[in-house]
C-alpha atoms as a PDB file:
ATOM      1  CA  UNK A   1      75.111  77.920 206.319  1.00  0.00           C
ATOM      2  CA  UNK A   2      71.903  78.628 206.723  1.00  0.00           C
ATOM      3  CA  UNK A   3      70.544  79.153 203.471  1.00  0.00           C
ATOM      4  CA  UNK A   4      67.729  81.437 204.470  1.00  0.00           C
ATOM      5  CA  UNK A   5      70.253  84.229 205.838  1.00  0.00           C
ATOM      6  CA  UNK A   6      70.136  87.404 203.583  1.00  0.00           C
ATOM      7  CA  UNK A   7      73.764  86.942 202.109  1.00  0.00           C
ATOM      8  CA  UNK A   8      76.057  90.380 200.148  1.00  0.00           C
ATOM      9  CA  UNK A   9      75.058  89.918 196.190  1.00  0.00           C
ATOM     10  CA  UNK A  10      71.115  88.232 197.530  1.00  0.00           C
ATOM     11  CA  UNK A  11      68.274  90.306 195.550  1.00  0.00           C
ATOM     12  CA  UNK A  12      65.407  90.191 198.620  1.00  0.00           C
ATOM     13  CA  UNK A  13      61.621  91.253 198.440  1.00  0.00           C
ATOM     14  CA  UNK A  14      60.890  94.382 200.161  1.00  0.00           C
ATOM     15  CA  UNK A  15      57.752  95.821 202.092  1.00  0.00           C
ATOM     16  CA  UNK A  16      58.295  99.598 202.975  1.00  0.00           C
ATOM     17  CA  UNK A  17      56.248 101.622 205.968  1.00  0.00           C
ATOM     18  CA  UNK A  18      57.125 105.290 206.301  1.00  0.00           C
ATOM     19  CA  UNK A  19      60.968 105.308 205.966  1.00  0.00           C
ATOM     20  CA  UNK A  20      61.462 101.770 207.080  1.00  0.00           C
ATOM     21  CA  UNK A  21      62.129  98.759 205.266  1.00  0.00           C
ATOM     22  CA  UNK A  22      61.301  95.303 205.911  1.00  0.00           C
ATOM     23  CA  UNK A  23      62.830  92.037 203.679  1.00  0.00           C
ATOM     24  CA  UNK A  24      59.918  90.008 203.061  1.00  0.00           C
ATOM     25  CA  UNK A  25      61.948  87.173 201.197  1.00  0.00           C
ATOM     26  CA  UNK A  26      65.116  86.037 199.196  1.00  0.00           C
ATOM     27  CA  UNK A  27      64.731  85.629 195.522  1.00  0.00           C
ATOM     28  CA  UNK A  28      66.343  82.263 194.152  1.00  0.00           C
ATOM     29  CA  UNK A  29      69.815  82.594 193.863  1.00  0.00           C
ATOM     30  CA  UNK A  30      71.526  81.157 190.605  1.00  0.00           C
ATOM     31  CA  UNK A  31      74.628  80.304 193.242  1.00  0.00           C
ATOM     32  CA  UNK A  32      75.976  81.014 196.816  1.00  0.00           C
ATOM     33  CA  UNK A  33      79.441  80.648 197.952  1.00  0.00           C
ATOM     34  CA  UNK A  34      80.148  79.627 201.641  1.00  0.00           C
ATOM     35  CA  UNK A  35      83.798  81.341 202.090  1.00  0.00           C
ATOM     36  CA  UNK A  36      83.303  84.338 201.973  1.00  0.00           C
ATOM     37  CA  UNK A  37      79.441  84.134 201.633  1.00  0.00           C
ATOM     38  CA  UNK A  38      78.311  86.064 198.678  1.00  0.00           C
ATOM     39  CA  UNK A  39      75.286  85.003 196.393  1.00  0.00           C
ATOM     40  CA  UNK A  40      75.062  85.223 192.963  1.00  0.00           C
ATOM     41  CA  UNK A  41      77.892  85.378 191.494  1.00  0.00           C
ATOM     42  CA  UNK A  42      78.985  85.859 188.128  1.00  0.00           C
ATOM     43  CA  UNK A  43      82.939  85.763 187.631  1.00  0.00           C
ATOM     44  CA  UNK A  44      86.057  85.532 189.894  1.00  0.00           C
ATOM     45  CA  UNK A  45      89.118  87.034 189.401  1.00  0.00           C
ATOM     46  CA  UNK A  46      91.961  85.153 190.918  1.00  0.00           C
ATOM     47  CA  UNK A  47      95.130  87.784 191.866  1.00  0.00           C
ATOM     48  CA  UNK A  48      98.292  86.265 191.879  1.00  0.00           C
ATOM     49  CA  UNK A  49     102.295  87.590 191.314  1.00  0.00           C
ATOM     50  CA  UNK A  50     105.341  86.144 190.392  1.00  0.00           C
ATOM     51  CA  UNK A  51     107.750  86.399 193.369  1.00  0.00           C
ATOM     52  CA  UNK A  52     105.811  88.524 195.964  1.00  0.00           C
ATOM     53  CA  UNK A  53     104.587  86.306 197.004  1.00  0.00           C
ATOM     54  CA  UNK A  54     106.126  83.555 194.779  1.00  0.00           C
ATOM     55  CA  UNK A  55     103.564  81.707 192.263  1.00  0.00           C
ATOM     56  CA  UNK A  56     101.781  78.939 193.751  1.00  0.00           C
ATOM     57  CA  UNK A  57      99.971  77.241 190.287  1.00  0.00           C
ATOM     58  CA  UNK A  58      98.563  74.739 192.666  1.00  0.00           C
ATOM     59  CA  UNK A  59      96.763  77.178 194.669  1.00  0.00           C
ATOM     60  CA  UNK A  60      95.657  78.892 191.058  1.00  0.00           C
ATOM     61  CA  UNK A  61      94.502  75.872 189.896  1.00  0.00           C
ATOM     62  CA  UNK A  62      92.465  74.300 192.897  1.00  0.00           C
ATOM     63  CA  UNK A  63      90.275  77.903 192.823  1.00  0.00           C
ATOM     64  CA  UNK A  64      89.984  77.122 189.215  1.00  0.00           C
ATOM     65  CA  UNK A  65      88.703  74.225 189.614  1.00  0.00           C
ATOM     66  CA  UNK A  66      85.980  75.438 192.359  1.00  0.00           C
ATOM     67  CA  UNK A  67      85.002  77.986 190.136  1.00  0.00           C
ATOM     68  CA  UNK A  68      84.056  75.721 187.166  1.00  0.00           C
ATOM     69  CA  UNK A  69      82.101  73.640 189.806  1.00  0.00           C
ATOM     70  CA  UNK A  70      80.194  76.480 190.941  1.00  0.00           C
ATOM     71  CA  UNK A  71      79.539  77.786 187.168  1.00  0.00           C
ATOM     72  CA  UNK A  72      81.230  80.774 187.622  1.00  0.00           C
ATOM     73  CA  UNK A  73      83.677  82.290 185.327  1.00  0.00           C
ATOM     74  CA  UNK A  74      87.216  82.234 186.533  1.00  0.00           C
ATOM     75  CA  UNK A  75      89.793  85.127 184.926  1.00  0.00           C
ATOM     76  CA  UNK A  76      93.515  85.121 185.859  1.00  0.00           C
ATOM     77  CA  UNK A  77      94.952  88.278 186.734  1.00  0.00           C
ATOM     78  CA  UNK A  78      98.702  88.581 187.421  1.00  0.00           C
ATOM     79  CA  UNK A  79      98.956  91.780 190.344  1.00  0.00           C
ATOM     80  CA  UNK A  80     102.755  93.692 190.390  1.00  0.00           C
ATOM     81  CA  UNK A  81     103.599  94.111 186.996  1.00  0.00           C
ATOM     82  CA  UNK A  82     105.836  97.060 188.313  1.00  0.00           C
ATOM     83  CA  UNK A  83     108.175  95.162 189.892  1.00  0.00           C
ATOM     84  CA  UNK A  84     107.600  91.140 188.468  1.00  0.00           C
ATOM     85  CA  UNK A  85     110.060  90.267 184.960  1.00  0.00           C
ATOM     86  CA  UNK A  86     107.847  90.392 181.954  1.00  0.00           C
ATOM     87  CA  UNK A  87     108.954  87.067 180.713  1.00  0.00           C
ATOM     88  CA  UNK A  88     108.162  85.111 183.605  1.00  0.00           C
ATOM     89  CA  UNK A  89     104.841  87.074 183.538  1.00  0.00           C
ATOM     90  CA  UNK A  90     104.622  85.672 179.793  1.00  0.00           C
ATOM     91  CA  UNK A  91     104.949  82.263 180.724  1.00  0.00           C
ATOM     92  CA  UNK A  92     102.081  82.366 183.341  1.00  0.00           C
ATOM     93  CA  UNK A  93      99.943  83.910 181.074  1.00  0.00           C
ATOM     94  CA  UNK A  94     100.658  81.696 178.209  1.00  0.00           C
ATOM     95  CA  UNK A  95      99.521  78.460 180.388  1.00  0.00           C
ATOM     96  CA  UNK A  96      96.182  80.019 181.445  1.00  0.00           C
ATOM     97  CA  UNK A  97      95.391  81.607 177.994  1.00  0.00           C
ATOM     98  CA  UNK A  98      95.904  78.654 176.187  1.00  0.00           C
ATOM     99  CA  UNK A  99      93.589  76.790 179.159  1.00  0.00           C
ATOM    100  CA  UNK A 100      90.934  79.443 177.844  1.00  0.00           C
ATOM    101  CA  UNK A 101      90.884  81.663 180.542  1.00  0.00           C
ATOM    102  CA  UNK A 102      91.025  85.417 180.259  1.00  0.00           C
ATOM    103  CA  UNK A 103      93.721  87.254 181.723  1.00  0.00           C
ATOM    104  CA  UNK A 104      94.730  90.374 182.509  1.00  0.00           C
ATOM    105  CA  UNK A 105      98.216  91.831 184.116  1.00  0.00           C
ATOM    106  CA  UNK A 106      97.687  94.803 186.138  1.00  0.00           C
ATOM    107  CA  UNK A 107      99.258  97.397 188.976  1.00  0.00           C
ATOM    108  CA  UNK A 108      97.923  98.595 191.771  1.00  0.00           C
ATOM    109  CA  UNK A 109     100.924 100.961 192.481  1.00  0.00           C
ATOM    110  CA  UNK A 110     101.301 102.422 188.986  1.00  0.00           C
ATOM    111  CA  UNK A 111      97.589 101.824 187.451  1.00  0.00           C
ATOM    112  CA  UNK A 112      98.934  99.648 184.721  1.00  0.00           C
ATOM    113  CA  UNK A 113      96.211  97.681 183.740  1.00  0.00           C
ATOM    114  CA  UNK A 114      93.480  98.919 185.659  1.00  0.00           C
ATOM    115  CA  UNK A 115      91.040  99.830 182.434  1.00  0.00           C
ATOM    116  CA  UNK A 116      91.069  96.155 181.214  1.00  0.00           C
ATOM    117  CA  UNK A 117      90.387  95.212 184.487  1.00  0.00           C
ATOM    118  CA  UNK A 118      87.445  97.788 184.588  1.00  0.00           C
ATOM    119  CA  UNK A 119      86.151  96.353 181.424  1.00  0.00           C
ATOM    120  CA  UNK A 120      85.413  92.737 183.193  1.00  0.00           C
ATOM    121  CA  UNK A 121      82.782  94.590 185.970  1.00  0.00           C
ATOM    122  CA  UNK A 122      80.527  95.436 183.594  1.00  0.00           C
ATOM    123  CA  UNK A 123      77.655  94.148 184.357  1.00  0.00           C
ATOM    124  CA  UNK A 124      78.726  91.614 186.631  1.00  0.00           C
ATOM    125  CA  UNK A 125      79.265  90.498 190.279  1.00  0.00           C
ATOM    126  CA  UNK A 126      82.766  90.002 190.541  1.00  0.00           C
ATOM    127  CA  UNK A 127      84.622  88.488 193.424  1.00  0.00           C
ATOM    128  CA  UNK A 128      87.886  88.511 194.071  1.00  0.00           C
ATOM    129  CA  UNK A 129      90.164  85.588 195.175  1.00  0.00           C
ATOM    130  CA  UNK A 130      93.519  84.600 195.881  1.00  0.00           C
ATOM    131  CA  UNK A 131      97.167  84.144 198.140  1.00  0.00           C
ATOM    132  CA  UNK A 132      97.197  86.677 200.852  1.00  0.00           C
ATOM    133  CA  UNK A 133      99.620  89.535 199.436  1.00  0.00           C
ATOM    134  CA  UNK A 134      99.221  89.262 195.768  1.00  0.00           C
ATOM    135  CA  UNK A 135      96.958  92.633 196.221  1.00  0.00           C
ATOM    136  CA  UNK A 136      93.248  92.093 196.068  1.00  0.00           C
ATOM    137  CA  UNK A 137      92.612  94.637 198.090  1.00  0.00           C
ATOM    138  CA  UNK A 138      94.812  97.541 196.875  1.00  0.00           C
ATOM    139  CA  UNK A 139      93.720  96.650 193.199  1.00  0.00           C
ATOM    140  CA  UNK A 140      90.020  97.783 194.310  1.00  0.00           C
ATOM    141  CA  UNK A 141      91.206 100.579 196.162  1.00  0.00           C
ATOM    142  CA  UNK A 142      93.024 101.756 193.177  1.00  0.00           C
ATOM    143  CA  UNK A 143      90.430 101.082 190.729  1.00  0.00           C
ATOM    144  CA  UNK A 144      87.457 102.509 192.771  1.00  0.00           C
ATOM    145  CA  UNK A 145      89.470 105.328 194.887  1.00  0.00           C
ATOM    146  CA  UNK A 146      88.535 103.999 198.090  1.00  0.00           C
ATOM    147  CA  UNK A 147      90.746 102.681 201.041  1.00  0.00           C
ATOM    148  CA  UNK A 148      89.091  98.747 201.398  1.00  0.00           C
ATOM    149  CA  UNK A 149      91.266  98.381 204.550  1.00  0.00           C
ATOM    150  CA  UNK A 150      90.282 101.386 206.063  1.00  0.00           C
ATOM    151  CA  UNK A 151      86.511 100.660 205.474  1.00  0.00           C
ATOM    152  CA  UNK A 152      86.020 103.845 203.465  1.00  0.00           C
ATOM    153  CA  UNK A 153      83.298 102.985 201.650  1.00  0.00           C
ATOM    154  CA  UNK A 154      80.520 105.311 201.884  1.00  0.00           C
ATOM    155  CA  UNK A 155      78.943 105.157 198.040  1.00  0.00           C
ATOM    156  CA  UNK A 156      77.395 102.143 196.425  1.00  0.00           C
ATOM    157  CA  UNK A 157      77.410  99.653 198.922  1.00  0.00           C
ATOM    158  CA  UNK A 158      75.270  96.505 198.510  1.00  0.00           C
ATOM    159  CA  UNK A 159      75.548  94.490 201.624  1.00  0.00           C
ATOM    160  CA  UNK A 160      77.249  93.567 204.606  1.00  0.00           C
ATOM    161  CA  UNK A 161      77.883  90.972 206.601  1.00  0.00           C
ATOM    162  CA  UNK A 162      78.217  91.259 209.971  1.00  0.00           C
ATOM    163  CA  UNK A 163      80.521  88.562 211.160  1.00  0.00           C
ATOM    164  CA  UNK A 164      83.036  88.659 207.996  1.00  0.00           C
ATOM    165  CA  UNK A 165      83.087  91.583 206.510  1.00  0.00           C
ATOM    166  CA  UNK A 166      81.734  91.379 202.356  1.00  0.00           C
ATOM    167  CA  UNK A 167      80.184  94.066 200.767  1.00  0.00           C
ATOM    168  CA  UNK A 168      79.440  94.913 197.239  1.00  0.00           C
ATOM    169  CA  UNK A 169      80.768  98.253 195.335  1.00  0.00           C
ATOM    170  CA  UNK A 170      78.930  99.595 192.592  1.00  0.00           C
ATOM    171  CA  UNK A 171      81.306 100.298 189.186  1.00  0.00           C
ATOM    172  CA  UNK A 172      81.004 101.880 186.248  1.00  0.00           C
ATOM    173  CA  UNK A 173      79.041 100.053 183.942  1.00  0.00           C
ATOM    174  CA  UNK A 174      76.355  98.601 186.726  1.00  0.00           C
ATOM    175  CA  UNK A 175      78.799  96.062 188.312  1.00  0.00           C
ATOM    176  CA  UNK A 176      79.723  95.275 191.558  1.00  0.00           C
ATOM    177  CA  UNK A 177      82.625  93.944 192.919  1.00  0.00           C
ATOM    178  CA  UNK A 178      83.172  92.195 196.003  1.00  0.00           C
ATOM    179  CA  UNK A 179      86.127  92.277 198.506  1.00  0.00           C
ATOM    180  CA  UNK A 180      86.607  89.035 199.492  1.00  0.00           C
ATOM    181  CA  UNK A 181      89.550  88.196 201.583  1.00  0.00           C
ATOM    182  CA  UNK A 182      90.471  84.647 202.663  1.00  0.00           C
ATOM    183  CA  UNK A 183      88.494  82.852 199.805  1.00  0.00           C
ATOM    184  CA  UNK A 184      89.155  79.328 201.269  1.00  0.00           C
ATOM    185  CA  UNK A 185      87.330  77.004 199.570  1.00  0.00           C
ATOM    186  CA  UNK A 186      90.124  74.578 198.481  1.00  0.00           C
ATOM    187  CA  UNK A 187      88.889  71.137 199.679  1.00  0.00           C
ATOM    188  CA  UNK A 188      87.682  70.061 196.043  1.00  0.00           C
ATOM    189  CA  UNK A 189      84.506  68.694 198.432  1.00  0.00           C
ATOM    190  CA  UNK A 190      81.958  66.904 196.174  1.00  0.00           C
ATOM    191  CA  UNK A 191      83.901  66.339 193.106  1.00  0.00           C
ATOM    192  CA  UNK A 192      84.184  62.717 191.760  1.00  0.00           C
ATOM    193  CA  UNK A 193      87.511  61.773 190.127  1.00  0.00           C
ATOM    194  CA  UNK A 194      85.736  60.547 186.563  1.00  0.00           C
ATOM    195  CA  UNK A 195      84.096  64.048 186.666  1.00  0.00           C
ATOM    196  CA  UNK A 196      87.476  66.440 187.866  1.00  0.00           C
ATOM    197  CA  UNK A 197      88.791  66.342 183.744  1.00  0.00           C
ATOM    198  CA  UNK A 198      85.634  67.946 182.979  1.00  0.00           C
ATOM    199  CA  UNK A 199      86.538  70.807 185.192  1.00  0.00           C
ATOM    200  CA  UNK A 200      89.668  71.820 183.179  1.00  0.00           C
ATOM    201  CA  UNK A 201      88.210  73.842 180.213  1.00  0.00           C
ATOM    202  CA  UNK A 202      91.153  72.446 177.819  1.00  0.00           C
ATOM    203  CA  UNK A 203      90.684  68.831 178.756  1.00  0.00           C
ATOM    204  CA  UNK A 204      86.730  68.845 178.200  1.00  0.00           C
ATOM    205  CA  UNK A 205      86.488  68.414 174.452  1.00  0.00           C
ATOM    206  CA  UNK A 206      89.211  65.712 174.077  1.00  0.00           C
ATOM    207  CA  UNK A 207      87.963  63.657 177.068  1.00  0.00           C
ATOM    208  CA  UNK A 208      84.433  63.466 175.332  1.00  0.00           C
ATOM    209  CA  UNK A 209      86.191  61.488 172.642  1.00  0.00           C
ATOM    210  CA  UNK A 210      88.307  59.038 174.671  1.00  0.00           C
ATOM    211  CA  UNK A 211      87.651  55.328 173.837  1.00  0.00           C
ATOM    212  CA  UNK A 212      87.024  54.728 177.703  1.00  0.00           C
ATOM    213  CA  UNK A 213      83.903  56.215 178.931  1.00  0.00           C
ATOM    214  CA  UNK A 214      85.239  56.516 182.400  1.00  0.00           C
ATOM    215  CA  UNK A 215      88.502  57.522 181.369  1.00  0.00           C
ATOM    216  CA  UNK A 216      90.988  59.176 183.971  1.00  0.00           C
ATOM    217  CA  UNK A 217      93.329  60.343 181.376  1.00  0.00           C
ATOM    218  CA  UNK A 218      96.387  58.725 183.553  1.00  0.00           C
ATOM    219  CA  UNK A 219      97.704  55.889 181.473  1.00  0.00           C
ATOM    220  CA  UNK A 220      94.480  54.412 179.262  1.00  0.00           C
ATOM    221  CA  UNK A 221      95.133  53.511 175.731  1.00  0.00           C
ATOM    222  CA  UNK A 222      93.271  55.944 173.279  1.00  0.00           C
ATOM    223  CA  UNK A 223      93.082  58.424 175.878  1.00  0.00           C
ATOM    224  CA  UNK A 224      92.686  61.909 173.726  1.00  0.00           C
ATOM    225  CA  UNK A 225      93.491  63.562 176.607  1.00  0.00           C
ATOM    226  CA  UNK A 226      96.963  62.075 176.667  1.00  0.00           C
ATOM    227  CA  UNK A 227      97.136  62.762 172.877  1.00  0.00           C
ATOM    228  CA  UNK A 228      97.067  65.732 173.103  1.00  0.00           C
ATOM    229  CA  UNK A 229      98.800  66.426 176.305  1.00  0.00           C
ATOM    230  CA  UNK A 230     101.606  65.248 173.600  1.00  0.00           C
ATOM    231  CA  UNK A 231     101.121  67.195 170.852  1.00  0.00           C
ATOM    232  CA  UNK A 232     101.843  70.609 173.269  1.00  0.00           C
ATOM    233  CA  UNK A 233      97.588  71.398 173.570  1.00  0.00           C
ATOM    234  CA  UNK A 234      97.961  71.167 177.121  1.00  0.00           C
ATOM    235  CA  UNK A 235      99.948  72.578 179.322  1.00  0.00           C
ATOM    236  CA  UNK A 236     102.154  70.276 181.595  1.00  0.00           C
ATOM    237  CA  UNK A 237     102.248  72.302 184.436  1.00  0.00           C
ATOM    238  CA  UNK A 238      97.926  72.144 184.612  1.00  0.00           C
ATOM    239  CA  UNK A 239      98.176  68.292 183.522  1.00  0.00           C
ATOM    240  CA  UNK A 240     100.786  67.459 186.704  1.00  0.00           C
ATOM    241  CA  UNK A 241      98.742  69.284 189.053  1.00  0.00           C
ATOM    242  CA  UNK A 242      95.251  67.565 187.665  1.00  0.00           C
ATOM    243  CA  UNK A 243      97.082  64.089 188.529  1.00  0.00           C
ATOM    244  CA  UNK A 244      97.780  65.430 192.161  1.00  0.00           C
ATOM    245  CA  UNK A 245      94.069  66.615 192.746  1.00  0.00           C
ATOM    246  CA  UNK A 246      93.261  63.142 191.229  1.00  0.00           C
ATOM    247  CA  UNK A 247      94.969  61.173 193.232  1.00  0.00           C
ATOM    248  CA  UNK A 248      93.527  63.203 196.107  1.00  0.00           C
ATOM    249  CA  UNK A 249      89.593  63.034 195.334  1.00  0.00           C
ATOM    250  CA  UNK A 250      90.902  58.810 194.748  1.00  0.00           C
ATOM    251  CA  UNK A 251      91.931  58.480 197.863  1.00  0.00           C
ATOM    252  CA  UNK A 252      88.994  60.779 199.532  1.00  0.00           C
ATOM    253  CA  UNK A 253      86.684  58.357 197.458  1.00  0.00           C
ATOM    254  CA  UNK A 254      88.291  55.111 198.980  1.00  0.00           C
ATOM    255  CA  UNK A 255      88.300  56.155 201.975  1.00  0.00           C
ATOM    256  CA  UNK A 256      84.164  57.165 201.929  1.00  0.00           C
ATOM    257  CA  UNK A 257      83.672  53.622 200.689  1.00  0.00           C
ATOM    258  CA  UNK A 258      85.486  51.264 203.363  1.00  0.00           C
END
């Protein structure tokens, strides 16, 4: 992607000539998502459901790792509260709240939790991510009172991409929300195996205290991450996914240096 191209979320310098404005330059970005192209993102709401579609913790953790790598705050949103089992919702909340993530439960149908969701938007540029069918567009439509699926966006739109629709919509509290269907950078590119644990918030403090500086937290002695796991401070689900991602990254590194 051409970084000189203007994207949704960019802050630009313009010159005016009568009623016309010409973009003269782009201010320095703090980040730029590639798929979809959105600049200067503060946080990402990772939307999931429990059964419709089925919960995919691997998908969620891949997204959260990428967000940590991009230094974008991740927030977990469990949608479809009106049709999902409360006990199952609580189980997922316990995993990610213990990992240090802010969590919110919503229903685009009943409006449950939309007030809490709205508070997260204040003063920030926010993108939505998640599997197809979890209700990303419906959530924003319910909150903003617009229909994103039909393009009913006449007010407060900042930035539009001509080949893949990305729009930033102004929210109460001077924030902007992007509806970003197809958020798809899930291949963990550019991450080295030894750096993976630092992208797990609940691993970081423990990993810095491991006996071996390049500890992978698998079978090493005096590994503080494994000790935290045994004490129940790190979830088995998150650790299992960590090992799977670590194997993926290790194999990629091996192929790169063959």
